[in-house]
C-alpha cells in the first residue's frame, strides 16, 4: 500500500508570523503617541498597546494549535516582545516623573505633561532603578538563553516568569490608561466625584502591579540562575583523540 507523505513544514508566511510583524510595526506608535499632548493620541496609544498585548498571546496560541512554529517566528516573537517592553518603559518613565510621596492639593496632575500614579494620598512616580532592573533582566536573559543554546540547553519559561509577564502587562496597560484618563480629565476639568475614585483605583493598580512584577522579575531571575548556573561555567573540553 502507498504511504502517506509527511506534512511539509510550515512556511514562514503564516498568520502567527503576520501578527508578530504587525506587533513590531505598531510598537513605534505605542512608544511615541503618549508624548503628544492630547487625550485622543494617548487614548490611541492605550488601544494600540492592548492590541499588541492581545496579539502577543494570540500568535503564540495559533502557532501551537496549528503547528505553525517556524524559525522566523522563533526569531521575531522575542524581538517583538523586547521592542514593546523598551517602547513602553521609556515613555512610562519619562511621563511618570514627578514629586514622590507628596500629598496632592487636588487630583489634577502636579505638573503639565507629567503623570505620576495616585496611590491613596500620594503621587508615586516610576523609579529609575525599577526600569533598569526590568530592562536589565530582559537583556541578561536574552544573552543567557543564547549562551545556553550554544551549549545545547533550552531554557524553558518557568511559572514565576509567566506571572511576571502578566503583571507587567497589567502595569503597562494601567499606566497607559492613566496617561489617557488624566489628559482627558485636564481637558474636561474633572477634579472630584467619580474621577477621584477612578484615579485612586487606577493608581493602586499601577503601584501594586509594578511592585509584584518587579519582585517576580528578581525572583524569576534568581531561579533561572539557580537552575541553569552551569551555563555560566566554561564549556567542557572535548577529550583528546
Foldseek 3Di string as FASTA:
>chain_A
DDDDDDDDAADCDDDLNVLLVVLQVCLLLLLPQLQDLALVSLVVSLVSLVSSVVSLVVSVVVCVVVVNDDPSCVVRSLVSVLSNLVSQVVLQQVQQDDDWFDFDPFPQPPDRSHFFACAPRTGHGDDPVLSCLQNVLSVVVVVLQVLCVVVVHHDDDDDLNVVLVVLVSQLSSLSSVRSSVSSVCVVVVDTDDVSVVVRNVSSNSNVVSSVSSSVSSVVSSVVCCVVPVCSPDDDDDDDDD
